[in-house]
């Protein structure tokens, strides 16, 4: 296997026009991937046929199996040493893959600067962090692009919005946890990488634009339910009993404040349904927690607090930091 070979995996559910745009952008890259695979989750808008016509290999799942299962199927069907996981609503700059691959070094995964398609001077996401609450933070989201977001740095977690992951990382820590379906499955994967000592790199020269929530819709009830549920399940899976007791106030505060966000977006009922589903599954998800977890959470939350002090976040993280 060529150690620099790249296979792109694109999970897709409808949004044919976005998928076509992405495939055209990938074909125009200064460093083209060795293969492009579209894993179609039962689209009804001709997505699969359009992808095939543009030269992508297509796997049709037949139903909406969720983001995690689609990615796992794609990883299993590809041969590259590097796996590029790319959402269908991403528009990569023509040198995105060349820059990202060149910046990987000895890292296990890499992500670039993701800008908001609707506001190109604003960051959509750079890297992820995880608070002691079990709530994930998309570092940079909503901030104006600037010097902080133009410096290469090591990271613990990368959003699988447009990222490169070594195939060996999947072999070391396992595939995405399909029980999450969609949302926070990448945070869980990043946390498992951190616990295994596998870190990544943020490569700001690798630029892409993201529409965001193109499949389910921003603050849709389906999205809110899944995130609210998966916040609980992330805690159930990784927090030992002692860790949960020590961080109980942070967990309650962070997840309750996220409910306030849902109420402000008129999706309070979906939030409650998600929490109820998470609590019903809590015991069945319990695993033996790792002692290293609390150190990772402390460092990750310290990063969130630093960004919040700079005013880079909205009221949610500032209030969470003040209360905890």
C-alpha atoms as a PDB file:
ATOM      1  CA  UNK A   1       0.000   0.000   0.000  1.00  0.00           C
ATOM      2  CA  UNK A   2       1.288   3.452  -0.964  1.00  0.00           C
ATOM      3  CA  UNK A   3       1.759   5.312   2.343  1.00  0.00           C
ATOM      4  CA  UNK A   4       0.531   8.564   0.746  1.00  0.00           C
ATOM      5  CA  UNK A   5      -2.495   7.130  -1.067  1.00  0.00           C
ATOM      6  CA  UNK A   6      -5.827   8.785  -0.264  1.00  0.00           C
ATOM      7  CA  UNK A   7      -9.338   7.392  -0.451  1.00  0.00           C
ATOM      8  CA  UNK A   8     -12.174   9.888  -0.051  1.00  0.00           C
ATOM      9  CA  UNK A   9     -15.363   8.648   1.630  1.00  0.00           C
ATOM     10  CA  UNK A  10     -18.482  10.792   1.252  1.00  0.00           C
ATOM     11  CA  UNK A  11     -21.567   9.806   3.278  1.00  0.00           C
ATOM     12  CA  UNK A  12     -24.616  11.116   1.443  1.00  0.00           C
ATOM     13  CA  UNK A  13     -28.353  11.329   1.926  1.00  0.00           C
ATOM     14  CA  UNK A  14     -30.050  13.356  -0.801  1.00  0.00           C
ATOM     15  CA  UNK A  15     -28.698  16.854  -1.575  1.00  0.00           C
ATOM     16  CA  UNK A  16     -27.740  15.841  -5.114  1.00  0.00           C
ATOM     17  CA  UNK A  17     -26.651  19.350  -6.152  1.00  0.00           C
ATOM     18  CA  UNK A  18     -24.230  19.649  -3.224  1.00  0.00           C
ATOM     19  CA  UNK A  19     -22.800  16.206  -3.889  1.00  0.00           C
ATOM     20  CA  UNK A  20     -22.211  17.026  -7.558  1.00  0.00           C
ATOM     21  CA  UNK A  21     -20.454  20.264  -6.621  1.00  0.00           C
ATOM     22  CA  UNK A  22     -18.196  18.408  -4.174  1.00  0.00           C
ATOM     23  CA  UNK A  23     -17.287  15.705  -6.679  1.00  0.00           C
ATOM     24  CA  UNK A  24     -16.430  18.333  -9.291  1.00  0.00           C
ATOM     25  CA  UNK A  25     -14.227  20.114  -6.734  1.00  0.00           C
ATOM     26  CA  UNK A  26     -12.430  16.881  -5.856  1.00  0.00           C
ATOM     27  CA  UNK A  27     -11.807  16.169  -9.532  1.00  0.00           C
ATOM     28  CA  UNK A  28     -10.192  19.613  -9.850  1.00  0.00           C
ATOM     29  CA  UNK A  29      -7.805  19.192  -6.897  1.00  0.00           C
ATOM     30  CA  UNK A  30      -4.123  19.924  -7.478  1.00  0.00           C
ATOM     31  CA  UNK A  31      -3.474  16.577  -5.762  1.00  0.00           C
ATOM     32  CA  UNK A  32      -6.293  14.244  -6.716  1.00  0.00           C
ATOM     33  CA  UNK A  33      -7.271  11.340  -4.469  1.00  0.00           C
ATOM     34  CA  UNK A  34      -6.627   7.797  -5.649  1.00  0.00           C
ATOM     35  CA  UNK A  35     -10.304   6.917  -5.250  1.00  0.00           C
ATOM     36  CA  UNK A  36     -13.588   8.565  -4.342  1.00  0.00           C
ATOM     37  CA  UNK A  37     -16.369   6.529  -2.775  1.00  0.00           C
ATOM     38  CA  UNK A  38     -19.899   7.806  -2.178  1.00  0.00           C
ATOM     39  CA  UNK A  39     -21.841   5.834   0.418  1.00  0.00           C
ATOM     40  CA  UNK A  40     -25.452   6.685  -0.308  1.00  0.00           C
ATOM     41  CA  UNK A  41     -27.949   6.335   2.541  1.00  0.00           C
ATOM     42  CA  UNK A  42     -31.028   5.618   0.453  1.00  0.00           C
ATOM     43  CA  UNK A  43     -31.277   8.919  -1.437  1.00  0.00           C
ATOM     44  CA  UNK A  44     -34.376   9.506  -3.528  1.00  0.00           C
ATOM     45  CA  UNK A  45     -33.125  12.489  -5.542  1.00  0.00           C
ATOM     46  CA  UNK A  46     -30.814  10.747  -8.001  1.00  0.00           C
ATOM     47  CA  UNK A  47     -27.674  11.333  -5.929  1.00  0.00           C
ATOM     48  CA  UNK A  48     -26.293   7.849  -6.535  1.00  0.00           C
ATOM     49  CA  UNK A  49     -26.773   8.024 -10.284  1.00  0.00           C
ATOM     50  CA  UNK A  50     -25.198  11.491 -10.489  1.00  0.00           C
ATOM     51  CA  UNK A  51     -22.175  10.369  -8.460  1.00  0.00           C
ATOM     52  CA  UNK A  52     -21.649   7.356 -10.689  1.00  0.00           C
ATOM     53  CA  UNK A  53     -21.864   9.514 -13.798  1.00  0.00           C
ATOM     54  CA  UNK A  54     -19.080  11.706 -12.416  1.00  0.00           C
ATOM     55  CA  UNK A  55     -16.771   8.738 -11.923  1.00  0.00           C
ATOM     56  CA  UNK A  56     -17.207   8.075  -8.200  1.00  0.00           C
ATOM     57  CA  UNK A  57     -17.665   4.537  -6.938  1.00  0.00           C
ATOM     58  CA  UNK A  58     -21.038   4.287  -5.264  1.00  0.00           C
ATOM     59  CA  UNK A  59     -22.268   1.986  -2.515  1.00  0.00           C
ATOM     60  CA  UNK A  60     -26.015   2.144  -2.022  1.00  0.00           C
ATOM     61  CA  UNK A  61     -27.043   1.382   1.570  1.00  0.00           C
ATOM     62  CA  UNK A  62     -30.725   1.287   0.624  1.00  0.00           C
ATOM     63  CA  UNK A  63     -31.803   3.131   3.758  1.00  0.00           C
ATOM     64  CA  UNK A  64     -30.627   5.996   5.924  1.00  0.00           C
ATOM     65  CA  UNK A  65     -28.204   4.027   8.085  1.00  0.00           C
ATOM     66  CA  UNK A  66     -26.638   7.109   9.685  1.00  0.00           C
ATOM     67  CA  UNK A  67     -23.320   8.899   9.262  1.00  0.00           C
ATOM     68  CA  UNK A  68     -21.221   6.499  11.359  1.00  0.00           C
ATOM     69  CA  UNK A  69     -22.333   3.348   9.578  1.00  0.00           C
ATOM     70  CA  UNK A  70     -21.880   4.945   6.165  1.00  0.00           C
ATOM     71  CA  UNK A  71     -18.313   6.032   7.014  1.00  0.00           C
ATOM     72  CA  UNK A  72     -17.453   2.601   8.388  1.00  0.00           C
ATOM     73  CA  UNK A  73     -18.758   0.918   5.255  1.00  0.00           C
ATOM     74  CA  UNK A  74     -16.688   3.289   3.146  1.00  0.00           C
ATOM     75  CA  UNK A  75     -13.508   2.710   5.150  1.00  0.00           C
ATOM     76  CA  UNK A  76     -13.991  -1.031   4.753  1.00  0.00           C
ATOM     77  CA  UNK A  77     -14.434  -0.743   0.991  1.00  0.00           C
ATOM     78  CA  UNK A  78     -11.456   1.508   0.260  1.00  0.00           C
ATOM     79  CA  UNK A  79      -7.721   0.829   0.088  1.00  0.00           C
ATOM     80  CA  UNK A  80      -5.958   4.141   0.775  1.00  0.00           C
ATOM     81  CA  UNK A  81      -3.446   4.582   3.575  1.00  0.00           C
ATOM     82  CA  UNK A  82      -5.276   7.811   4.356  1.00  0.00           C
ATOM     83  CA  UNK A  83      -9.058   8.069   4.546  1.00  0.00           C
ATOM     84  CA  UNK A  84     -10.581  11.438   3.770  1.00  0.00           C
ATOM     85  CA  UNK A  85     -14.016  11.762   5.366  1.00  0.00           C
ATOM     86  CA  UNK A  86     -15.859  14.612   3.669  1.00  0.00           C
ATOM     87  CA  UNK A  87     -19.432  15.836   4.166  1.00  0.00           C
ATOM     88  CA  UNK A  88     -21.469  16.417   1.027  1.00  0.00           C
ATOM     89  CA  UNK A  89     -21.902  20.126   1.868  1.00  0.00           C
ATOM     90  CA  UNK A  90     -18.170  20.866   1.784  1.00  0.00           C
ATOM     91  CA  UNK A  91     -16.545  22.933  -0.956  1.00  0.00           C
ATOM     92  CA  UNK A  92     -12.759  22.384  -0.773  1.00  0.00           C
ATOM     93  CA  UNK A  93     -10.343  24.886  -2.250  1.00  0.00           C
ATOM     94  CA  UNK A  94      -8.443  23.462  -5.226  1.00  0.00           C
ATOM     95  CA  UNK A  95      -5.307  22.829  -3.116  1.00  0.00           C
ATOM     96  CA  UNK A  96      -7.151  21.539  -0.034  1.00  0.00           C
ATOM     97  CA  UNK A  97      -6.014  17.917  -0.270  1.00  0.00           C
ATOM     98  CA  UNK A  98      -2.470  18.788  -1.343  1.00  0.00           C
ATOM     99  CA  UNK A  99      -2.045  21.160   1.606  1.00  0.00           C
ATOM    100  CA  UNK A 100      -3.701  18.854   4.106  1.00  0.00           C
ATOM    101  CA  UNK A 101      -1.674  15.808   3.114  1.00  0.00           C
ATOM    102  CA  UNK A 102       1.576  17.800   3.127  1.00  0.00           C
ATOM    103  CA  UNK A 103       0.849  19.017   6.641  1.00  0.00           C
ATOM    104  CA  UNK A 104       0.147  15.659   8.256  1.00  0.00           C
ATOM    105  CA  UNK A 105       3.738  14.866   9.245  1.00  0.00           C
ATOM    106  CA  UNK A 106       3.655  12.134  11.881  1.00  0.00           C
ATOM    107  CA  UNK A 107       0.099  12.944  12.981  1.00  0.00           C
ATOM    108  CA  UNK A 108      -2.631  10.318  12.969  1.00  0.00           C
ATOM    109  CA  UNK A 109      -5.293  12.635  11.578  1.00  0.00           C
ATOM    110  CA  UNK A 110      -5.532  16.130  10.181  1.00  0.00           C
ATOM    111  CA  UNK A 111      -8.110  18.792   9.532  1.00  0.00           C
ATOM    112  CA  UNK A 112      -7.892  22.201   7.899  1.00  0.00           C
ATOM    113  CA  UNK A 113      -9.506  25.588   8.268  1.00  0.00           C
ATOM    114  CA  UNK A 114     -13.223  25.278   7.586  1.00  0.00           C
ATOM    115  CA  UNK A 115     -14.930  28.564   6.777  1.00  0.00           C
ATOM    116  CA  UNK A 116     -18.641  29.288   6.692  1.00  0.00           C
ATOM    117  CA  UNK A 117     -20.025  29.250   3.173  1.00  0.00           C
ATOM    118  CA  UNK A 118     -22.548  31.932   4.089  1.00  0.00           C
ATOM    119  CA  UNK A 119     -19.913  34.190   5.696  1.00  0.00           C
ATOM    120  CA  UNK A 120     -16.513  33.357   4.151  1.00  0.00           C
ATOM    121  CA  UNK A 121     -14.584  35.561   6.599  1.00  0.00           C
ATOM    122  CA  UNK A 122     -15.953  33.592   9.550  1.00  0.00           C
ATOM    123  CA  UNK A 123     -14.738  30.285  10.939  1.00  0.00           C
ATOM    124  CA  UNK A 124     -17.156  27.364  10.777  1.00  0.00           C
ATOM    125  CA  UNK A 125     -14.781  25.054  12.640  1.00  0.00           C
ATOM    126  CA  UNK A 126     -11.103  24.370  13.226  1.00  0.00           C
ATOM    127  CA  UNK A 127     -10.802  21.505  15.706  1.00  0.00           C
ATOM    128  CA  UNK A 128     -12.931  19.989  18.468  1.00  0.00           C
ATOM    129  CA  UNK A 129     -12.642  20.076  22.243  1.00  0.00           C
ATOM    130  CA  UNK A 130     -14.693  18.261  24.877  1.00  0.00           C
ATOM    131  CA  UNK A 131     -15.839  19.814  28.134  1.00  0.00           C
ATOM    132  CA  UNK A 132     -16.281  17.941  31.424  1.00  0.00           C
ATOM    133  CA  UNK A 133     -20.009  18.204  30.748  1.00  0.00           C
ATOM    134  CA  UNK A 134     -19.797  15.732  27.875  1.00  0.00           C
ATOM    135  CA  UNK A 135     -20.688  18.575  25.489  1.00  0.00           C
ATOM    136  CA  UNK A 136     -18.419  19.121  22.518  1.00  0.00           C
ATOM    137  CA  UNK A 137     -17.060  22.482  21.411  1.00  0.00           C
ATOM    138  CA  UNK A 138     -16.350  23.279  17.773  1.00  0.00           C
ATOM    139  CA  UNK A 139     -13.373  25.551  18.357  1.00  0.00           C
ATOM    140  CA  UNK A 140     -13.483  28.666  16.242  1.00  0.00           C
ATOM    141  CA  UNK A 141     -17.158  28.424  15.336  1.00  0.00           C
ATOM    142  CA  UNK A 142     -18.550  31.884  14.670  1.00  0.00           C
ATOM    143  CA  UNK A 143     -15.194  33.652  15.155  1.00  0.00           C
ATOM    144  CA  UNK A 144     -13.762  36.026  12.600  1.00  0.00           C
ATOM    145  CA  UNK A 145     -10.875  34.507  10.685  1.00  0.00           C
ATOM    146  CA  UNK A 146      -7.561  35.805  11.988  1.00  0.00           C
ATOM    147  CA  UNK A 147      -4.074  35.006  13.241  1.00  0.00           C
ATOM    148  CA  UNK A 148      -5.206  32.510  15.914  1.00  0.00           C
ATOM    149  CA  UNK A 149      -6.846  30.374  13.252  1.00  0.00           C
ATOM    150  CA  UNK A 150      -3.890  30.616  10.861  1.00  0.00           C
ATOM    151  CA  UNK A 151      -1.334  28.823  13.044  1.00  0.00           C
ATOM    152  CA  UNK A 152      -0.612  25.124  12.646  1.00  0.00           C
ATOM    153  CA  UNK A 153      -0.978  23.197  15.913  1.00  0.00           C
ATOM    154  CA  UNK A 154      -1.391  19.735  17.412  1.00  0.00           C
ATOM    155  CA  UNK A 155      -4.950  18.776  18.299  1.00  0.00           C
ATOM    156  CA  UNK A 156      -6.699  15.985  20.180  1.00  0.00           C
ATOM    157  CA  UNK A 157      -9.904  15.821  18.132  1.00  0.00           C
ATOM    158  CA  UNK A 158     -10.866  16.643  14.570  1.00  0.00           C
ATOM    159  CA  UNK A 159     -14.415  17.103  13.300  1.00  0.00           C
ATOM    160  CA  UNK A 160     -15.067  14.566  10.565  1.00  0.00           C
ATOM    161  CA  UNK A 161     -16.504  17.295   8.369  1.00  0.00           C
ATOM    162  CA  UNK A 162     -13.479  17.380   6.074  1.00  0.00           C
ATOM    163  CA  UNK A 163     -10.604  15.435   7.615  1.00  0.00           C
ATOM    164  CA  UNK A 164      -7.867  12.947   6.828  1.00  0.00           C
ATOM    165  CA  UNK A 165      -7.415   9.918   9.089  1.00  0.00           C
ATOM    166  CA  UNK A 166      -4.729   7.269   8.816  1.00  0.00           C
ATOM    167  CA  UNK A 167      -6.219   3.858   8.136  1.00  0.00           C
ATOM    168  CA  UNK A 168      -3.916   2.649  10.908  1.00  0.00           C
ATOM    169  CA  UNK A 169      -5.804   4.851  13.385  1.00  0.00           C
ATOM    170  CA  UNK A 170      -9.014   2.938  12.694  1.00  0.00           C
ATOM    171  CA  UNK A 171      -7.051  -0.280  13.116  1.00  0.00           C
ATOM    172  CA  UNK A 172      -5.684   0.920  16.471  1.00  0.00           C
ATOM    173  CA  UNK A 173      -8.804   2.313  18.154  1.00  0.00           C
ATOM    174  CA  UNK A 174     -11.639   0.792  16.137  1.00  0.00           C
ATOM    175  CA  UNK A 175     -14.203   2.176  13.726  1.00  0.00           C
ATOM    176  CA  UNK A 176     -16.808   4.838  14.445  1.00  0.00           C
ATOM    177  CA  UNK A 177     -19.347   3.705  17.043  1.00  0.00           C
ATOM    178  CA  UNK A 178     -22.435   3.122  14.918  1.00  0.00           C
ATOM    179  CA  UNK A 179     -24.729   3.338  17.940  1.00  0.00           C
ATOM    180  CA  UNK A 180     -24.339   7.118  17.829  1.00  0.00           C
ATOM    181  CA  UNK A 181     -25.831   7.080  14.292  1.00  0.00           C
ATOM    182  CA  UNK A 182     -25.021  10.756  13.562  1.00  0.00           C
ATOM    183  CA  UNK A 183     -23.472  13.532  15.684  1.00  0.00           C
ATOM    184  CA  UNK A 184     -20.694  13.166  18.292  1.00  0.00           C
ATOM    185  CA  UNK A 185     -19.480   9.922  16.732  1.00  0.00           C
ATOM    186  CA  UNK A 186     -16.394  11.870  15.641  1.00  0.00           C
ATOM    187  CA  UNK A 187     -15.898  13.249  19.171  1.00  0.00           C
ATOM    188  CA  UNK A 188     -16.092   9.713  20.540  1.00  0.00           C
ATOM    189  CA  UNK A 189     -13.534   8.596  17.952  1.00  0.00           C
ATOM    190  CA  UNK A 190     -11.260  11.527  18.807  1.00  0.00           C
ATOM    191  CA  UNK A 191     -11.528  10.754  22.501  1.00  0.00           C
ATOM    192  CA  UNK A 192     -10.558   7.139  21.868  1.00  0.00           C
ATOM    193  CA  UNK A 193      -7.585   8.365  19.849  1.00  0.00           C
ATOM    194  CA  UNK A 194      -6.551  10.687  22.685  1.00  0.00           C
ATOM    195  CA  UNK A 195      -6.800   7.853  25.209  1.00  0.00           C
ATOM    196  CA  UNK A 196      -4.577   5.750  22.938  1.00  0.00           C
ATOM    197  CA  UNK A 197      -2.013   8.552  22.608  1.00  0.00           C
ATOM    198  CA  UNK A 198      -2.810   9.305  18.960  1.00  0.00           C
ATOM    199  CA  UNK A 199      -2.885  13.020  18.216  1.00  0.00           C
ATOM    200  CA  UNK A 200      -3.658  15.046  15.141  1.00  0.00           C
ATOM    201  CA  UNK A 201      -2.766  18.321  13.486  1.00  0.00           C
ATOM    202  CA  UNK A 202      -4.649  21.424  12.435  1.00  0.00           C
ATOM    203  CA  UNK A 203      -3.426  22.609   9.017  1.00  0.00           C
ATOM    204  CA  UNK A 204      -4.865  26.095   8.394  1.00  0.00           C
ATOM    205  CA  UNK A 205      -3.471  26.292   4.857  1.00  0.00           C
ATOM    206  CA  UNK A 206      -5.947  23.567   3.861  1.00  0.00           C
ATOM    207  CA  UNK A 207      -9.111  25.601   3.361  1.00  0.00           C
ATOM    208  CA  UNK A 208     -12.670  24.458   2.709  1.00  0.00           C
ATOM    209  CA  UNK A 209     -16.092  26.056   2.967  1.00  0.00           C
ATOM    210  CA  UNK A 210     -18.993  24.407   4.779  1.00  0.00           C
ATOM    211  CA  UNK A 211     -22.697  25.040   4.337  1.00  0.00           C
ATOM    212  CA  UNK A 212     -23.548  23.269   7.606  1.00  0.00           C
ATOM    213  CA  UNK A 213     -26.524  21.070   8.587  1.00  0.00           C
ATOM    214  CA  UNK A 214     -27.443  20.646   4.932  1.00  0.00           C
ATOM    215  CA  UNK A 215     -28.867  17.164   5.415  1.00  0.00           C
ATOM    216  CA  UNK A 216     -31.119  17.462   8.485  1.00  0.00           C
ATOM    217  CA  UNK A 217     -31.253  21.248   8.714  1.00  0.00           C
ATOM    218  CA  UNK A 218     -29.825  23.623  11.315  1.00  0.00           C
ATOM    219  CA  UNK A 219     -31.520  23.098  14.684  1.00  0.00           C
ATOM    220  CA  UNK A 220     -33.992  20.661  13.184  1.00  0.00           C
ATOM    221  CA  UNK A 221     -35.820  18.465  15.736  1.00  0.00           C
ATOM    222  CA  UNK A 222     -34.002  15.405  14.366  1.00  0.00           C
ATOM    223  CA  UNK A 223     -30.589  17.020  14.862  1.00  0.00           C
ATOM    224  CA  UNK A 224     -31.433  18.288  18.349  1.00  0.00           C
ATOM    225  CA  UNK A 225     -32.778  14.908  19.469  1.00  0.00           C
ATOM    226  CA  UNK A 226     -29.659  13.080  18.289  1.00  0.00           C
ATOM    227  CA  UNK A 227     -27.210  15.530  19.851  1.00  0.00           C
ATOM    228  CA  UNK A 228     -29.121  15.661  23.142  1.00  0.00           C
ATOM    229  CA  UNK A 229     -29.191  11.861  23.297  1.00  0.00           C
ATOM    230  CA  UNK A 230     -25.574  11.409  22.285  1.00  0.00           C
ATOM    231  CA  UNK A 231     -24.333  13.880  24.891  1.00  0.00           C
ATOM    232  CA  UNK A 232     -25.737  11.520  27.521  1.00  0.00           C
ATOM    233  CA  UNK A 233     -24.376   8.419  25.803  1.00  0.00           C
ATOM    234  CA  UNK A 234     -20.891   9.921  25.498  1.00  0.00           C
ATOM    235  CA  UNK A 235     -20.845  10.354  29.278  1.00  0.00           C
ATOM    236  CA  UNK A 236     -22.232   6.851  29.813  1.00  0.00           C
ATOM    237  CA  UNK A 237     -19.558   5.303  27.624  1.00  0.00           C
ATOM    238  CA  UNK A 238     -16.465   7.117  28.887  1.00  0.00           C
ATOM    239  CA  UNK A 239     -17.048   8.474  32.413  1.00  0.00           C
ATOM    240  CA  UNK A 240     -16.323   6.076  35.261  1.00  0.00           C
ATOM    241  CA  UNK A 241     -18.577   6.289  38.319  1.00  0.00           C
ATOM    242  CA  UNK A 242     -15.923   8.338  40.157  1.00  0.00           C
ATOM    243  CA  UNK A 243     -15.381  10.619  37.187  1.00  0.00           C
ATOM    244  CA  UNK A 244     -19.120  11.177  36.860  1.00  0.00           C
ATOM    245  CA  UNK A 245     -19.471  12.009  40.554  1.00  0.00           C
ATOM    246  CA  UNK A 246     -16.575  14.463  40.477  1.00  0.00           C
ATOM    247  CA  UNK A 247     -17.951  16.197  37.388  1.00  0.00           C
ATOM    248  CA  UNK A 248     -21.676  15.878  38.096  1.00  0.00           C
ATOM    249  CA  UNK A 249     -22.218  19.635  38.379  1.00  0.00           C
ATOM    250  CA  UNK A 250     -20.424  20.272  35.077  1.00  0.00           C
ATOM    251  CA  UNK A 251     -22.458  17.529  33.354  1.00  0.00           C
ATOM    252  CA  UNK A 252     -25.784  18.848  34.667  1.00  0.00           C
ATOM    253  CA  UNK A 253     -24.890  22.473  33.932  1.00  0.00           C
ATOM    254  CA  UNK A 254     -23.542  21.957  30.427  1.00  0.00           C
ATOM    255  CA  UNK A 255     -26.314  19.682  29.252  1.00  0.00           C
ATOM    256  CA  UNK A 256     -29.059  21.786  30.844  1.00  0.00           C
ATOM    257  CA  UNK A 257     -27.707  24.951  29.227  1.00  0.00           C
ATOM    258  CA  UNK A 258     -27.731  23.152  25.892  1.00  0.00           C
ATOM    259  CA  UNK A 259     -31.434  22.588  26.532  1.00  0.00           C
ATOM    260  CA  UNK A 260     -31.870  26.353  26.858  1.00  0.00           C
ATOM    261  CA  UNK A 261     -30.269  26.708  23.427  1.00  0.00           C
ATOM    262  CA  UNK A 262     -32.778  24.175  22.093  1.00  0.00           C
ATOM    263  CA  UNK A 263     -35.665  26.124  23.648  1.00  0.00           C
ATOM    264  CA  UNK A 264     -34.445  29.309  22.005  1.00  0.00           C
ATOM    265  CA  UNK A 265     -34.609  27.460  18.678  1.00  0.00           C
ATOM    266  CA  UNK A 266     -38.084  26.080  19.473  1.00  0.00           C
ATOM    267  CA  UNK A 267     -36.867  22.493  19.680  1.00  0.00           C
ATOM    268  CA  UNK A 268     -37.258  21.938  23.419  1.00  0.00           C
ATOM    269  CA  UNK A 269     -39.437  18.867  22.960  1.00  0.00           C
ATOM    270  CA  UNK A 270     -36.853  17.216  20.694  1.00  0.00           C
ATOM    271  CA  UNK A 271     -34.202  17.968  23.342  1.00  0.00           C
ATOM    272  CA  UNK A 272     -36.288  16.281  26.061  1.00  0.00           C
ATOM    273  CA  UNK A 273     -36.912  13.267  23.833  1.00  0.00           C
ATOM    274  CA  UNK A 274     -33.190  12.943  23.211  1.00  0.00           C
ATOM    275  CA  UNK A 275     -32.326  13.125  26.908  1.00  0.00           C
ATOM    276  CA  UNK A 276     -35.000  10.564  27.715  1.00  0.00           C
ATOM    277  CA  UNK A 277     -33.626   8.186  25.073  1.00  0.00           C
ATOM    278  CA  UNK A 278     -30.116   8.681  26.416  1.00  0.00           C
ATOM    279  CA  UNK A 279     -31.118   7.984  30.005  1.00  0.00           C
ATOM    280  CA  UNK A 280     -33.017   4.856  28.966  1.00  0.00           C
ATOM    281  CA  UNK A 281     -29.856   3.518  27.311  1.00  0.00           C
ATOM    282  CA  UNK A 282     -27.414   4.837  29.905  1.00  0.00           C
ATOM    283  CA  UNK A 283     -26.827   1.612  31.817  1.00  0.00           C
ATOM    284  CA  UNK A 284     -26.407  -0.550  28.717  1.00  0.00           C
ATOM    285  CA  UNK A 285     -23.693   1.814  27.444  1.00  0.00           C
ATOM    286  CA  UNK A 286     -21.602   1.785  30.599  1.00  0.00           C
ATOM    287  CA  UNK A 287     -17.959   0.835  30.146  1.00  0.00           C
ATOM    288  CA  UNK A 288     -14.965   0.834  32.467  1.00  0.00           C
ATOM    289  CA  UNK A 289     -13.658   4.388  32.418  1.00  0.00           C
ATOM    290  CA  UNK A 290      -9.992   5.144  31.810  1.00  0.00           C
ATOM    291  CA  UNK A 291      -8.006   7.022  34.459  1.00  0.00           C
ATOM    292  CA  UNK A 292      -6.402   9.188  31.756  1.00  0.00           C
ATOM    293  CA  UNK A 293      -9.802  10.612  30.804  1.00  0.00           C
ATOM    294  CA  UNK A 294      -9.975  13.290  33.487  1.00  0.00           C
ATOM    295  CA  UNK A 295      -6.606  14.731  32.475  1.00  0.00           C
ATOM    296  CA  UNK A 296      -7.708  14.906  28.850  1.00  0.00           C
ATOM    297  CA  UNK A 297     -11.000  16.567  29.830  1.00  0.00           C
ATOM    298  CA  UNK A 298      -9.223  19.081  32.073  1.00  0.00           C
ATOM    299  CA  UNK A 299      -6.836  20.124  29.301  1.00  0.00           C
ATOM    300  CA  UNK A 300      -9.616  20.260  26.735  1.00  0.00           C
ATOM    301  CA  UNK A 301     -11.853  22.371  28.970  1.00  0.00           C
ATOM    302  CA  UNK A 302      -8.961  24.706  29.789  1.00  0.00           C
ATOM    303  CA  UNK A 303      -8.677  25.376  26.063  1.00  0.00           C
ATOM    304  CA  UNK A 304     -12.403  26.129  25.874  1.00  0.00           C
ATOM    305  CA  UNK A 305     -12.072  28.551  28.806  1.00  0.00           C
ATOM    306  CA  UNK A 306      -9.170  30.363  27.143  1.00  0.00           C
ATOM    307  CA  UNK A 307     -11.201  30.827  23.978  1.00  0.00           C
ATOM    308  CA  UNK A 308     -14.256  31.943  25.962  1.00  0.00           C
ATOM    309  CA  UNK A 309     -12.182  34.590  27.784  1.00  0.00           C
ATOM    310  CA  UNK A 310     -11.142  35.981  24.421  1.00  0.00           C
ATOM    311  CA  UNK A 311     -14.794  36.424  23.545  1.00  0.00           C
ATOM    312  CA  UNK A 312     -14.680  33.894  20.728  1.00  0.00           C
ATOM    313  CA  UNK A 313     -17.893  32.144  21.761  1.00  0.00           C
ATOM    314  CA  UNK A 314     -21.501  33.027  22.355  1.00  0.00           C
ATOM    315  CA  UNK A 315     -23.243  33.120  25.717  1.00  0.00           C
ATOM    316  CA  UNK A 316     -23.454  29.317  26.100  1.00  0.00           C
ATOM    317  CA  UNK A 317     -19.758  28.669  26.734  1.00  0.00           C
ATOM    318  CA  UNK A 318     -19.226  31.893  28.660  1.00  0.00           C
ATOM    319  CA  UNK A 319     -22.073  31.022  31.021  1.00  0.00           C
ATOM    320  CA  UNK A 320     -20.954  27.407  31.333  1.00  0.00           C
ATOM    321  CA  UNK A 321     -17.433  28.525  32.267  1.00  0.00           C
ATOM    322  CA  UNK A 322     -18.786  31.025  34.796  1.00  0.00           C
ATOM    323  CA  UNK A 323     -21.021  28.428  36.483  1.00  0.00           C
ATOM    324  CA  UNK A 324     -18.473  25.626  36.593  1.00  0.00           C
END
